[in-house]
Amino acid sequence: MQNVLVPTTASRPIDDQFIIRPLTSADIQNIRALHAELAPSSPTLNPTFFHQLLTHPTRLCLIATLPSSSKPVACIAVALHVRTSDLSSASAQLPPVEVHVLALGVRPEFRRQGIARRLLHDAATSLRALAVNAPHIPSALVGASTETRVSVDVARADGSTRAFWKHVGMDEEEREPWQVGWRDVVSVTGPVLAAA
């Protein structure tokens, strides 16, 4: 039986080892600390970033915790992108719904246990379900027949992160690396894969 995360504030265990749940305002301090620990050279995440994750129907943040603690061991932040430039023709094929990964991190001692892959799958599934109620998303685009793709911009110099995305079935786009803020990045895209 396929487990589907329904957008809710309820927690859900993964193999009795971890719990995945949506971000709450009480988690923000711990998520900022986790981000600072995992990406010390990255800029500090500002309050607006978290406000959008908590309130916008096309943004979502999920965290993974141990059953015995509310402190996150992993998190993912995603945003739904819908390309509407392809909607001018009634005969045009609908563009895929794109889930853009804004941040994904797992504490080193919890890596290689399937948490990141599970967070990615659950976030994409949940965000797509949330988008059904977003008034500015065309309903045809979030129907069951529309493909869902994942995209992420990865620092070109970060070989281990690029290897992770390749491992979960993503491909680097064939174009020149470009800059986002302070770093050279490559874009990585692929289908939403089943959770491990």
Protein backbone atom coordinates (compact mmCIF):
# COMPACT_ATOMS: atom_id res chain seq x y z
CA MET A 1 0.00 0.00 0.00
CA GLN A 2 1.37 3.41 -1.00
CA ASN A 3 1.69 5.92 1.83
CA VAL A 4 0.71 9.43 0.76
CA LEU A 5 1.37 12.36 3.03
CA VAL A 6 -1.80 14.38 3.34
CA PRO A 7 -1.11 18.07 4.03
CA THR A 8 -1.75 18.26 7.73
CA THR A 9 -0.04 19.13 10.96
CA ALA A 10 0.04 15.46 11.97
CA SER A 11 3.33 13.64 12.36
CA ARG A 12 4.02 10.44 10.49
CA PRO A 13 6.61 7.83 11.45
CA ILE A 14 9.07 6.35 8.96
CA ASP A 15 10.06 2.81 9.87
CA ASP A 16 9.71 3.63 13.60
CA GLN A 17 13.04 5.46 13.37
CA PHE A 18 12.10 8.96 12.18
CA ILE A 19 9.02 11.15 12.07
CA ILE A 20 8.31 13.46 9.13
CA ARG A 21 6.08 16.44 9.78
CA PRO A 22 5.44 19.93 8.44
CA LEU A 23 7.40 22.87 9.80
CA THR A 24 5.76 24.91 12.57
CA SER A 25 6.75 28.34 13.81
CA ALA A 26 8.19 26.66 16.93
CA ASP A 27 10.71 24.82 14.69
CA ILE A 28 12.22 27.88 13.01
CA GLN A 29 15.06 28.43 15.47
CA ASN A 30 16.12 24.77 15.22
CA ILE A 31 15.90 24.79 11.41
CA ARG A 32 18.03 27.95 11.23
CA ALA A 33 20.60 26.25 13.46
CA LEU A 34 20.52 23.10 11.30
CA HIS A 35 21.00 25.18 8.15
CA ALA A 36 23.93 27.06 9.72
CA GLU A 37 25.51 23.73 10.74
CA LEU A 38 25.07 22.04 7.35
CA ALA A 39 25.79 25.06 5.13
CA PRO A 40 28.08 27.38 7.12
CA SER A 41 29.18 29.36 4.04
CA SER A 42 25.58 30.05 2.94
CA PRO A 43 23.79 33.25 3.89
CA THR A 44 21.55 33.10 6.96
CA LEU A 45 17.94 32.27 6.15
CA ASN A 46 15.81 35.34 6.82
CA PRO A 47 12.38 35.42 8.49
CA THR A 48 10.61 36.04 5.15
CA PHE A 49 11.84 32.66 3.89
CA PHE A 50 10.12 30.91 6.81
CA HIS A 51 7.00 33.08 6.62
CA GLN A 52 6.49 31.97 3.01
CA LEU A 53 7.06 28.32 3.92
CA LEU A 54 4.41 28.55 6.64
CA THR A 55 1.75 30.58 4.82
CA HIS A 56 2.05 30.30 1.05
CA PRO A 57 0.01 27.49 -0.57
CA THR A 58 2.80 26.70 -3.04
CA ARG A 59 5.64 26.51 -0.48
CA LEU A 60 6.33 23.75 2.01
CA CYS A 61 8.92 22.69 4.55
CA LEU A 62 9.01 19.20 6.05
CA ILE A 63 11.28 18.16 8.89
CA ALA A 64 12.42 14.76 10.12
CA THR A 65 12.90 14.16 13.82
CA LEU A 66 13.64 11.22 16.06
CA PRO A 67 10.56 9.93 17.92
CA SER A 68 12.21 10.91 21.21
CA SER A 69 12.98 14.53 20.24
CA SER A 70 11.47 17.52 18.46
CA LYS A 71 14.91 18.64 17.27
CA PRO A 72 15.20 18.15 13.48
CA VAL A 73 17.75 15.76 12.01
CA ALA A 74 16.78 16.70 8.44
CA CYS A 75 14.61 19.11 6.51
CA ILE A 76 13.48 20.01 3.02
CA ALA A 77 12.01 23.29 1.74
CA VAL A 78 10.28 23.29 -1.65
CA ALA A 79 8.33 25.65 -3.89
CA LEU A 80 5.89 24.80 -6.65
CA HIS A 81 6.67 26.34 -10.03
CA VAL A 82 4.19 26.23 -12.86
CA ARG A 83 5.28 27.31 -16.29
CA THR A 84 2.30 29.18 -17.66
CA SER A 85 3.90 30.38 -20.90
CA ASP A 86 2.84 27.07 -22.50
CA LEU A 87 -0.84 27.56 -21.71
CA SER A 88 -1.70 29.85 -24.64
CA SER A 89 -2.69 27.03 -26.96
CA ALA A 90 -5.54 24.71 -26.11
CA SER A 91 -3.84 21.94 -28.09
CA ALA A 92 -0.47 22.34 -26.36
CA GLN A 93 0.60 19.60 -24.00
CA LEU A 94 0.41 20.73 -20.38
CA PRO A 95 3.80 21.55 -18.92
CA PRO A 96 4.95 19.44 -15.97
CA VAL A 97 4.36 20.71 -12.48
CA GLU A 98 7.80 21.56 -11.15
CA VAL A 99 8.76 21.19 -7.50
CA HIS A 100 11.84 23.31 -6.92
CA VAL A 101 13.99 22.28 -3.96
CA LEU A 102 15.04 25.41 -2.06
CA ALA A 103 16.95 23.56 0.67
CA LEU A 104 17.59 19.96 1.68
CA GLY A 105 19.83 18.84 4.49
CA VAL A 106 20.47 15.83 6.72
CA ARG A 107 22.76 15.78 9.74
CA PRO A 108 25.87 13.72 8.87
CA GLU A 109 25.19 11.00 11.45
CA PHE A 110 21.77 10.32 9.88
CA ARG A 111 22.82 10.22 6.21
CA ARG A 112 22.53 7.14 3.99
CA GLN A 113 19.35 5.98 5.71
CA GLY A 114 16.89 7.15 3.03
CA ILE A 115 15.73 10.27 4.88
CA ALA A 116 16.56 12.76 2.10
CA ARG A 117 14.90 10.63 -0.55
CA ARG A 118 11.80 10.19 1.62
CA LEU A 119 11.64 13.92 2.38
CA LEU A 120 11.92 14.69 -1.34
CA HIS A 121 9.13 12.28 -2.25
CA ASP A 122 6.81 13.36 0.56
CA ALA A 123 7.42 17.06 -0.08
CA ALA A 124 6.65 16.75 -3.79
CA THR A 125 3.52 14.69 -3.12
CA SER A 126 2.29 17.03 -0.37
CA LEU A 127 3.03 20.23 -2.28
CA ARG A 128 1.14 18.96 -5.27
CA ALA A 129 -1.85 18.15 -3.02
CA LEU A 130 -1.67 21.63 -1.47
CA ALA A 131 -1.55 23.24 -4.94
CA VAL A 132 -5.01 21.90 -5.77
CA ASN A 133 -6.40 24.59 -3.45
CA ALA A 134 -4.12 27.41 -4.61
CA PRO A 135 -6.33 29.90 -6.48
CA HIS A 136 -3.57 31.11 -8.81
CA ILE A 137 -2.62 27.63 -10.08
CA PRO A 138 -4.63 26.50 -13.12
CA SER A 139 -6.60 23.42 -12.04
CA ALA A 140 -5.66 21.53 -15.21
CA LEU A 141 -2.01 21.68 -14.16
CA VAL A 142 -2.47 19.92 -10.85
CA GLY A 143 -4.68 17.15 -12.19
CA ALA A 144 -3.65 13.54 -11.87
CA SER A 145 -2.48 13.31 -15.49
CA THR A 146 0.11 16.09 -15.23
CA GLU A 147 3.70 15.01 -14.72
CA THR A 148 5.59 16.21 -11.64
CA ARG A 149 9.27 17.03 -11.97
CA VAL A 150 11.79 18.10 -9.38
CA SER A 151 14.43 20.78 -9.95
CA VAL A 152 17.26 22.08 -7.83
CA ASP A 153 20.21 24.41 -8.31
CA VAL A 154 23.40 22.83 -6.98
CA ALA A 155 26.76 24.46 -6.33
CA ARG A 156 29.04 23.39 -9.15
CA ALA A 157 31.90 22.76 -6.73
CA ASP A 158 29.81 20.49 -4.46
CA GLY A 159 30.58 17.03 -5.82
CA SER A 160 28.88 15.08 -3.04
CA THR A 161 25.59 16.95 -3.48
CA ARG A 162 25.72 16.52 -7.23
CA ALA A 163 26.35 12.78 -6.68
CA PHE A 164 23.30 12.56 -4.38
CA TRP A 165 21.01 14.08 -6.99
CA LYS A 166 22.37 11.72 -9.63
CA HIS A 167 21.80 8.80 -7.23
CA VAL A 168 18.10 9.70 -6.87
CA GLY A 169 17.60 9.79 -10.64
CA MET A 170 18.17 13.45 -11.47
CA ASP A 171 20.15 14.75 -14.46
CA GLU A 172 22.20 17.91 -14.79
CA GLU A 173 20.88 20.19 -17.51
CA GLU A 174 23.10 20.64 -20.53
CA ARG A 175 23.94 24.32 -20.23
CA GLU A 176 26.65 26.52 -18.88
CA PRO A 177 26.79 26.84 -15.10
CA TRP A 178 25.33 30.11 -13.91
CA GLN A 179 25.40 32.15 -10.72
CA VAL A 180 22.84 32.30 -7.96
CA GLY A 181 23.86 34.81 -5.35
CA TRP A 182 27.31 33.89 -4.14
CA ARG A 183 27.99 30.67 -6.07
CA ASP A 184 28.23 29.04 -9.48
CA VAL A 185 25.45 26.49 -9.88
CA VAL A 186 24.25 23.80 -12.22
CA SER A 187 20.57 22.97 -12.58
CA VAL A 188 19.46 19.42 -11.91
CA THR A 189 16.04 18.05 -12.89
CA GLY A 190 14.22 14.75 -12.89
CA PRO A 191 11.01 12.91 -12.15
CA VAL A 192 9.64 12.36 -8.66
CA LEU A 193 10.81 8.89 -7.71
CA ALA A 194 9.14 6.57 -5.24
CA ALA A 195 10.42 6.79 -1.70
CA ALA A 196 12.95 4.14 -0.73
